[in-house]
Amino acid sequence: MKIKNKIFTIMATGVALSALIMPNKSNAALQSNGGTPVKKDLETWMLQIRQMQEMGGTLGRTDSVNTTNLTSGATDLDIHMEKNTEYGAMAILSASAYGNPNKINDGETTTGNSTGVVININNERVAAAFEAKPSYIENFIKANNRYKNLYPGGKYVAKIGDAIMETYKWHGSSIYTWKDYENASTLIRSVQNGGSIFSYSAYNGPGNGGEGNYSQKWSSRACIVVGTGI
């Protein structure tokens, strides 16, 4: 039976990615773990996570990623930096009957056991931006739309699955809104006081040192989509 667009999303912490992105490394697998996540900026994560499916990457395939728009010729596999909508779907599922209904603390998982996704509170960047300027985050701007969530003009417009406003105050979550200073305001999840996976920040404060700063380094996750005709 032909299965079309059957999607499995696997999220790996930055610490896993740091080992997986290195060429000729085959002694690791895509999985969440409780180690200390590696931090990189948005530009680096966007490209390096896509390159995990290239020759010499995590899966050792013969695929080649276009460094301009991050697309490739593969029709059965797609590895990319997690988008805000993908993080949101994970977070909402964690609070459902299929996950862990309790508040998830740092280092705990979305299911309450080893089958879930390990959460690193105050440490997660997603492929999303509120005021993206090409001169600052070129990889993000040029990337195919399937690899990012863009909220133009610095204004929030709900996207299905992003778990932004509808989850406000869940498990004590807080929000720190975006402000358009000189640089792009990108989105960080589970970052604010209260330690909830539903918190977010897109603040780009004076001196561009806020959480949402395009060049500030955070950990991230890889999402893998497998199937046919993707």
C-alpha atoms as a PDB file:
ATOM      1  CA  MET A   1       0.000   0.000   0.000  1.00  0.00           C
ATOM      2  CA  LYS A   2       1.390   3.347  -0.992  1.00  0.00           C
ATOM      3  CA  ILE A   3       1.614   5.718   1.895  1.00  0.00           C
ATOM      4  CA  LYS A   4       1.781   9.353   0.944  1.00  0.00           C
ATOM      5  CA  ASN A   5       3.005  12.088   3.193  1.00  0.00           C
ATOM      6  CA  LYS A   6       3.304   9.884   6.226  1.00  0.00           C
ATOM      7  CA  ILE A   7       5.089  12.098   8.672  1.00  0.00           C
ATOM      8  CA  PHE A   8       7.265  11.197  11.577  1.00  0.00           C
ATOM      9  CA  THR A   9       8.672  14.149  13.481  1.00  0.00           C
ATOM     10  CA  ILE A  10      11.757  13.438  15.520  1.00  0.00           C
ATOM     11  CA  MET A  11      13.130  16.228  17.622  1.00  0.00           C
ATOM     12  CA  ALA A  12      16.746  16.152  18.682  1.00  0.00           C
ATOM     13  CA  THR A  13      18.375  18.538  21.128  1.00  0.00           C
ATOM     14  CA  GLY A  14      21.266  20.735  20.184  1.00  0.00           C
ATOM     15  CA  VAL A  15      23.731  18.488  21.952  1.00  0.00           C
ATOM     16  CA  ALA A  16      22.755  15.622  19.696  1.00  0.00           C
ATOM     17  CA  LEU A  17      22.971  17.826  16.631  1.00  0.00           C
ATOM     18  CA  SER A  18      26.484  18.975  17.431  1.00  0.00           C
ATOM     19  CA  ALA A  19      27.701  15.405  17.048  1.00  0.00           C
ATOM     20  CA  LEU A  20      25.462  14.503  14.156  1.00  0.00           C
ATOM     21  CA  ILE A  21      26.341  17.378  11.869  1.00  0.00           C
ATOM     22  CA  MET A  22      30.019  16.484  11.842  1.00  0.00           C
ATOM     23  CA  PRO A  23      30.994  14.462   8.736  1.00  0.00           C
ATOM     24  CA  ASN A  24      31.863  10.769   8.968  1.00  0.00           C
ATOM     25  CA  LYS A  25      30.197  10.321  12.338  1.00  0.00           C
ATOM     26  CA  SER A  26      27.973   7.261  12.450  1.00  0.00           C
ATOM     27  CA  ASN A  27      27.957   6.412  16.146  1.00  0.00           C
ATOM     28  CA  ALA A  28      24.981   8.580  17.035  1.00  0.00           C
ATOM     29  CA  ALA A  29      21.262   8.552  16.371  1.00  0.00           C
ATOM     30  CA  LEU A  30      18.597  11.224  16.191  1.00  0.00           C
ATOM     31  CA  GLN A  31      17.107  11.269  19.638  1.00  0.00           C
ATOM     32  CA  SER A  32      16.485  13.598  22.521  1.00  0.00           C
ATOM     33  CA  ASN A  33      18.819  13.254  25.448  1.00  0.00           C
ATOM     34  CA  GLY A  34      19.473  14.980  28.712  1.00  0.00           C
ATOM     35  CA  GLY A  35      22.875  16.423  27.872  1.00  0.00           C
ATOM     36  CA  THR A  36      23.810  20.083  27.754  1.00  0.00           C
ATOM     37  CA  PRO A  37      22.580  21.509  24.431  1.00  0.00           C
ATOM     38  CA  VAL A  38      24.987  23.150  22.001  1.00  0.00           C
ATOM     39  CA  LYS A  39      24.039  26.710  21.065  1.00  0.00           C
ATOM     40  CA  LYS A  40      24.215  28.221  17.593  1.00  0.00           C
ATOM     41  CA  ASP A  41      22.683  31.227  15.853  1.00  0.00           C
ATOM     42  CA  LEU A  42      19.695  31.039  13.504  1.00  0.00           C
ATOM     43  CA  GLU A  43      21.769  31.239  10.326  1.00  0.00           C
ATOM     44  CA  THR A  44      23.934  28.298  11.343  1.00  0.00           C
ATOM     45  CA  TRP A  45      21.088  26.057  12.546  1.00  0.00           C
ATOM     46  CA  MET A  46      18.994  26.655   9.416  1.00  0.00           C
ATOM     47  CA  LEU A  47      21.751  25.453   7.094  1.00  0.00           C
ATOM     48  CA  GLN A  48      23.537  22.825   9.164  1.00  0.00           C
ATOM     49  CA  ILE A  49      20.389  20.951  10.137  1.00  0.00           C
ATOM     50  CA  ARG A  50      19.360  20.768   6.475  1.00  0.00           C
ATOM     51  CA  GLN A  51      22.819  19.440   5.619  1.00  0.00           C
ATOM     52  CA  MET A  52      22.332  16.489   7.951  1.00  0.00           C
ATOM     53  CA  GLN A  53      20.816  14.610   4.999  1.00  0.00           C
ATOM     54  CA  GLU A  54      23.746  15.236   2.672  1.00  0.00           C
ATOM     55  CA  MET A  55      26.597  12.889   1.842  1.00  0.00           C
ATOM     56  CA  GLY A  56      28.766  12.754   4.944  1.00  0.00           C
ATOM     57  CA  GLY A  57      25.921  14.024   7.108  1.00  0.00           C
ATOM     58  CA  THR A  58      24.012  12.194   9.800  1.00  0.00           C
ATOM     59  CA  LEU A  59      22.335   9.723   7.450  1.00  0.00           C
ATOM     60  CA  GLY A  60      25.159   9.446   4.920  1.00  0.00           C
ATOM     61  CA  ARG A  61      22.906   9.911   1.904  1.00  0.00           C
ATOM     62  CA  THR A  62      23.835  11.152  -1.559  1.00  0.00           C
ATOM     63  CA  ASP A  63      21.487  14.108  -1.294  1.00  0.00           C
ATOM     64  CA  SER A  64      22.723  17.652  -1.880  1.00  0.00           C
ATOM     65  CA  VAL A  65      21.156  20.736  -0.266  1.00  0.00           C
ATOM     66  CA  ASN A  66      20.875  23.980  -2.221  1.00  0.00           C
ATOM     67  CA  THR A  67      22.558  26.543   0.034  1.00  0.00           C
ATOM     68  CA  THR A  68      20.419  29.351  -1.410  1.00  0.00           C
ATOM     69  CA  ASN A  69      16.901  28.151  -0.652  1.00  0.00           C
ATOM     70  CA  LEU A  70      17.775  25.023   1.397  1.00  0.00           C
ATOM     71  CA  THR A  71      15.827  22.700  -0.898  1.00  0.00           C
ATOM     72  CA  SER A  72      17.099  19.415  -2.331  1.00  0.00           C
ATOM     73  CA  GLY A  73      16.073  16.757  -4.826  1.00  0.00           C
ATOM     74  CA  ALA A  74      14.993  14.273  -2.173  1.00  0.00           C
ATOM     75  CA  THR A  75      11.340  13.213  -2.335  1.00  0.00           C
ATOM     76  CA  ASP A  76      11.387  10.724   0.535  1.00  0.00           C
ATOM     77  CA  LEU A  77      13.177  12.601   3.312  1.00  0.00           C
ATOM     78  CA  ASP A  78      13.287  16.143   4.639  1.00  0.00           C
ATOM     79  CA  ILE A  79      15.349  17.212   7.669  1.00  0.00           C
ATOM     80  CA  HIS A  80      15.003  20.798   8.809  1.00  0.00           C
ATOM     81  CA  MET A  81      15.243  23.082  11.813  1.00  0.00           C
ATOM     82  CA  GLU A  82      12.022  22.960  13.813  1.00  0.00           C
ATOM     83  CA  LYS A  83       9.522  25.667  12.991  1.00  0.00           C
ATOM     84  CA  ASN A  84       7.389  27.460  15.545  1.00  0.00           C
ATOM     85  CA  THR A  85       4.335  25.513  14.392  1.00  0.00           C
ATOM     86  CA  GLU A  86       6.180  22.225  14.917  1.00  0.00           C
ATOM     87  CA  TYR A  87       7.316  23.190  18.395  1.00  0.00           C
ATOM     88  CA  GLY A  88       3.767  24.285  19.191  1.00  0.00           C
ATOM     89  CA  ALA A  89       2.298  20.972  18.052  1.00  0.00           C
ATOM     90  CA  MET A  90       4.759  19.119  20.280  1.00  0.00           C
ATOM     91  CA  ALA A  91       3.933  21.351  23.240  1.00  0.00           C
ATOM     92  CA  ILE A  92       0.169  20.974  22.859  1.00  0.00           C
ATOM     93  CA  LEU A  93       0.442  17.188  22.510  1.00  0.00           C
ATOM     94  CA  SER A  94       2.493  17.109  25.698  1.00  0.00           C
ATOM     95  CA  ALA A  95      -0.491  18.538  27.583  1.00  0.00           C
ATOM     96  CA  SER A  96      -2.963  16.092  26.045  1.00  0.00           C
ATOM     97  CA  ALA A  97      -3.991  12.580  27.015  1.00  0.00           C
ATOM     98  CA  TYR A  98      -1.085  11.357  24.866  1.00  0.00           C
ATOM     99  CA  GLY A  99       1.523  13.216  26.875  1.00  0.00           C
ATOM    100  CA  ASN A 100       2.346  14.462  30.348  1.00  0.00           C
ATOM    101  CA  PRO A 101      -0.484  16.633  31.729  1.00  0.00           C
ATOM    102  CA  ASN A 102       1.738  17.919  34.531  1.00  0.00           C
ATOM    103  CA  LYS A 103       4.098  20.868  34.275  1.00  0.00           C
ATOM    104  CA  ILE A 104       7.291  19.747  32.551  1.00  0.00           C
ATOM    105  CA  ASN A 105      10.444  20.844  34.324  1.00  0.00           C
ATOM    106  CA  ASP A 106      13.884  21.293  32.820  1.00  0.00           C
ATOM    107  CA  GLY A 107      15.277  17.933  31.687  1.00  0.00           C
ATOM    108  CA  GLU A 108      11.919  16.148  31.868  1.00  0.00           C
ATOM    109  CA  THR A 109      10.086  14.756  28.861  1.00  0.00           C
ATOM    110  CA  THR A 110       6.791  15.452  27.117  1.00  0.00           C
ATOM    111  CA  THR A 111       5.442  12.037  28.124  1.00  0.00           C
ATOM    112  CA  GLY A 112       6.953  11.763  31.580  1.00  0.00           C
ATOM    113  CA  ASN A 113       9.127   8.841  30.527  1.00  0.00           C
ATOM    114  CA  SER A 114      11.990   8.029  28.156  1.00  0.00           C
ATOM    115  CA  THR A 115       9.718   7.817  25.098  1.00  0.00           C
ATOM    116  CA  GLY A 116       9.086  11.558  25.137  1.00  0.00           C
ATOM    117  CA  VAL A 117      10.980  14.610  23.959  1.00  0.00           C
ATOM    118  CA  VAL A 118      13.452  16.007  26.491  1.00  0.00           C
ATOM    119  CA  ILE A 119      12.701  19.646  27.264  1.00  0.00           C
ATOM    120  CA  ASN A 120      15.434  22.189  27.911  1.00  0.00           C
ATOM    121  CA  ILE A 121      13.823  25.178  29.591  1.00  0.00           C
ATOM    122  CA  ASN A 122      15.146  28.651  28.629  1.00  0.00           C
ATOM    123  CA  ASN A 123      17.092  27.294  25.709  1.00  0.00           C
ATOM    124  CA  GLU A 124      15.248  26.758  22.442  1.00  0.00           C
ATOM    125  CA  ARG A 125      15.209  28.609  19.135  1.00  0.00           C
ATOM    126  CA  VAL A 126      12.715  27.870  16.372  1.00  0.00           C
ATOM    127  CA  ALA A 127      12.784  28.826  12.684  1.00  0.00           C
ATOM    128  CA  ALA A 128      10.469  31.809  13.045  1.00  0.00           C
ATOM    129  CA  ALA A 129      10.898  35.571  12.881  1.00  0.00           C
ATOM    130  CA  PHE A 130       8.711  38.635  13.346  1.00  0.00           C
ATOM    131  CA  GLU A 131      10.694  41.270  11.490  1.00  0.00           C
ATOM    132  CA  ALA A 132      13.130  39.478   9.229  1.00  0.00           C
ATOM    133  CA  LYS A 133      15.665  41.633   7.418  1.00  0.00           C
ATOM    134  CA  PRO A 134      17.730  39.967   4.662  1.00  0.00           C
ATOM    135  CA  SER A 135      20.972  41.698   5.583  1.00  0.00           C
ATOM    136  CA  TYR A 136      20.898  40.045   8.982  1.00  0.00           C
ATOM    137  CA  ILE A 137      19.399  36.576   8.528  1.00  0.00           C
ATOM    138  CA  GLU A 138      20.010  35.706   4.896  1.00  0.00           C
ATOM    139  CA  ASN A 139      19.549  31.944   5.236  1.00  0.00           C
ATOM    140  CA  PHE A 140      16.181  32.483   6.839  1.00  0.00           C
ATOM    141  CA  ILE A 141      14.945  34.977   4.253  1.00  0.00           C
ATOM    142  CA  LYS A 142      16.033  32.915   1.230  1.00  0.00           C
ATOM    143  CA  ALA A 143      14.922  29.566   2.633  1.00  0.00           C
ATOM    144  CA  ASN A 144      11.910  27.908   1.039  1.00  0.00           C
ATOM    145  CA  ASN A 145       8.734  28.770   2.953  1.00  0.00           C
ATOM    146  CA  ARG A 146       8.325  25.149   4.053  1.00  0.00           C
ATOM    147  CA  TYR A 147      11.309  25.637   6.397  1.00  0.00           C
ATOM    148  CA  LYS A 148      10.180  28.703   8.359  1.00  0.00           C
ATOM    149  CA  ASN A 149       7.376  30.664   9.941  1.00  0.00           C
ATOM    150  CA  LEU A 150       7.426  34.362   9.113  1.00  0.00           C
ATOM    151  CA  TYR A 151       5.292  36.932  10.910  1.00  0.00           C
ATOM    152  CA  PRO A 152       5.750  40.042   8.717  1.00  0.00           C
ATOM    153  CA  GLY A 153       5.854  43.547  10.085  1.00  0.00           C
ATOM    154  CA  GLY A 154       6.522  42.498  13.644  1.00  0.00           C
ATOM    155  CA  LYS A 155       2.866  41.650  14.192  1.00  0.00           C
ATOM    156  CA  TYR A 156       1.494  38.349  15.401  1.00  0.00           C
ATOM    157  CA  VAL A 157      -1.048  36.570  13.204  1.00  0.00           C
ATOM    158  CA  ALA A 158      -1.947  33.104  14.441  1.00  0.00           C
ATOM    159  CA  LYS A 159      -0.658  30.095  12.523  1.00  0.00           C
ATOM    160  CA  ILE A 160      -2.187  26.664  12.985  1.00  0.00           C
ATOM    161  CA  GLY A 161      -0.153  24.737  15.522  1.00  0.00           C
ATOM    162  CA  ASP A 162       2.062  27.549  16.818  1.00  0.00           C
ATOM    163  CA  ALA A 163       0.633  27.444  20.374  1.00  0.00           C
ATOM    164  CA  ILE A 164       1.282  31.096  21.078  1.00  0.00           C
ATOM    165  CA  MET A 165      -1.746  33.007  22.368  1.00  0.00           C
ATOM    166  CA  GLU A 166      -4.120  30.107  23.031  1.00  0.00           C
ATOM    167  CA  THR A 167      -1.691  28.568  25.520  1.00  0.00           C
ATOM    168  CA  TYR A 168      -0.937  31.782  27.392  1.00  0.00           C
ATOM    169  CA  LYS A 169      -0.555  31.108  31.139  1.00  0.00           C
ATOM    170  CA  TRP A 170      -0.660  27.319  30.667  1.00  0.00           C
ATOM    171  CA  HIS A 171       1.469  25.877  33.475  1.00  0.00           C
ATOM    172  CA  GLY A 172       2.460  29.409  34.418  1.00  0.00           C
ATOM    173  CA  SER A 173       3.729  30.423  30.979  1.00  0.00           C
ATOM    174  CA  SER A 174       4.658  34.005  30.226  1.00  0.00           C
ATOM    175  CA  ILE A 175       5.306  36.024  27.100  1.00  0.00           C
ATOM    176  CA  TYR A 176       7.850  38.676  26.278  1.00  0.00           C
ATOM    177  CA  THR A 177       6.717  40.331  23.113  1.00  0.00           C
ATOM    178  CA  TRP A 178       8.797  41.425  20.142  1.00  0.00           C
ATOM    179  CA  LYS A 179      10.042  44.941  19.538  1.00  0.00           C
ATOM    180  CA  ASP A 180      11.490  46.103  16.266  1.00  0.00           C
ATOM    181  CA  TYR A 181      14.809  47.810  16.942  1.00  0.00           C
ATOM    182  CA  GLU A 182      17.615  47.677  14.396  1.00  0.00           C
ATOM    183  CA  ASN A 183      17.751  43.960  13.821  1.00  0.00           C
ATOM    184  CA  ALA A 184      15.411  41.056  13.283  1.00  0.00           C
ATOM    185  CA  SER A 185      13.362  39.724  16.174  1.00  0.00           C
ATOM    186  CA  THR A 186      13.412  35.943  16.056  1.00  0.00           C
ATOM    187  CA  LEU A 187      11.454  33.584  18.256  1.00  0.00           C
ATOM    188  CA  ILE A 188      12.653  31.662  21.309  1.00  0.00           C
ATOM    189  CA  ARG A 189      10.391  29.112  23.043  1.00  0.00           C
ATOM    190  CA  SER A 190      10.189  28.079  26.729  1.00  0.00           C
ATOM    191  CA  VAL A 191      12.445  30.975  27.592  1.00  0.00           C
ATOM    192  CA  GLN A 192      10.752  33.075  30.260  1.00  0.00           C
ATOM    193  CA  ASN A 193      10.473  32.923  34.036  1.00  0.00           C
ATOM    194  CA  GLY A 194       7.985  30.329  35.173  1.00  0.00           C
ATOM    195  CA  GLY A 195       9.784  27.638  33.222  1.00  0.00           C
ATOM    196  CA  SER A 196       6.823  26.563  31.082  1.00  0.00           C
ATOM    197  CA  ILE A 197       7.257  25.019  27.642  1.00  0.00           C
ATOM    198  CA  PHE A 198       4.411  27.309  26.523  1.00  0.00           C
ATOM    199  CA  SER A 199       6.372  30.486  27.259  1.00  0.00           C
ATOM    200  CA  TYR A 200       7.997  32.415  24.446  1.00  0.00           C
ATOM    201  CA  SER A 201      10.078  35.488  23.767  1.00  0.00           C
ATOM    202  CA  ALA A 202      10.681  37.542  20.672  1.00  0.00           C
ATOM    203  CA  TYR A 203      12.090  40.528  22.502  1.00  0.00           C
ATOM    204  CA  ASN A 204      14.992  42.266  20.801  1.00  0.00           C
ATOM    205  CA  GLY A 205      16.010  44.771  23.435  1.00  0.00           C
ATOM    206  CA  PRO A 206      18.162  47.910  23.425  1.00  0.00           C
ATOM    207  CA  GLY A 207      21.614  47.159  22.080  1.00  0.00           C
ATOM    208  CA  ASN A 208      20.139  44.112  20.317  1.00  0.00           C
ATOM    209  CA  GLY A 209      21.009  41.849  23.220  1.00  0.00           C
ATOM    210  CA  GLY A 210      17.500  40.538  23.884  1.00  0.00           C
ATOM    211  CA  GLU A 211      16.421  36.911  23.648  1.00  0.00           C
ATOM    212  CA  GLY A 212      15.095  37.270  20.108  1.00  0.00           C
ATOM    213  CA  ASN A 213      18.288  38.731  18.679  1.00  0.00           C
ATOM    214  CA  TYR A 214      19.057  37.145  15.306  1.00  0.00           C
ATOM    215  CA  SER A 215      22.717  36.476  16.168  1.00  0.00           C
ATOM    216  CA  GLN A 216      22.327  35.315  19.759  1.00  0.00           C
ATOM    217  CA  LYS A 217      23.051  31.620  20.190  1.00  0.00           C
ATOM    218  CA  TRP A 218      20.457  29.104  21.386  1.00  0.00           C
ATOM    219  CA  SER A 219      19.928  25.382  21.061  1.00  0.00           C
ATOM    220  CA  SER A 220      17.414  23.965  18.593  1.00  0.00           C
ATOM    221  CA  ARG A 221      15.970  20.692  17.286  1.00  0.00           C
ATOM    222  CA  ALA A 222      15.832  18.782  14.035  1.00  0.00           C
ATOM    223  CA  CYS A 223      12.546  17.649  12.522  1.00  0.00           C
ATOM    224  CA  ILE A 224      12.517  14.726  10.102  1.00  0.00           C
ATOM    225  CA  VAL A 225       9.712  14.189   7.611  1.00  0.00           C
ATOM    226  CA  VAL A 226       9.691  10.873   5.759  1.00  0.00           C
ATOM    227  CA  GLY A 227       7.297   9.468   3.196  1.00  0.00           C
ATOM    228  CA  THR A 228       6.675   9.624  -0.522  1.00  0.00           C
ATOM    229  CA  GLY A 229       6.217  12.703  -2.653  1.00  0.00           C
ATOM    230  CA  ILE A 230       7.255  15.146   0.066  1.00  0.00           C
END
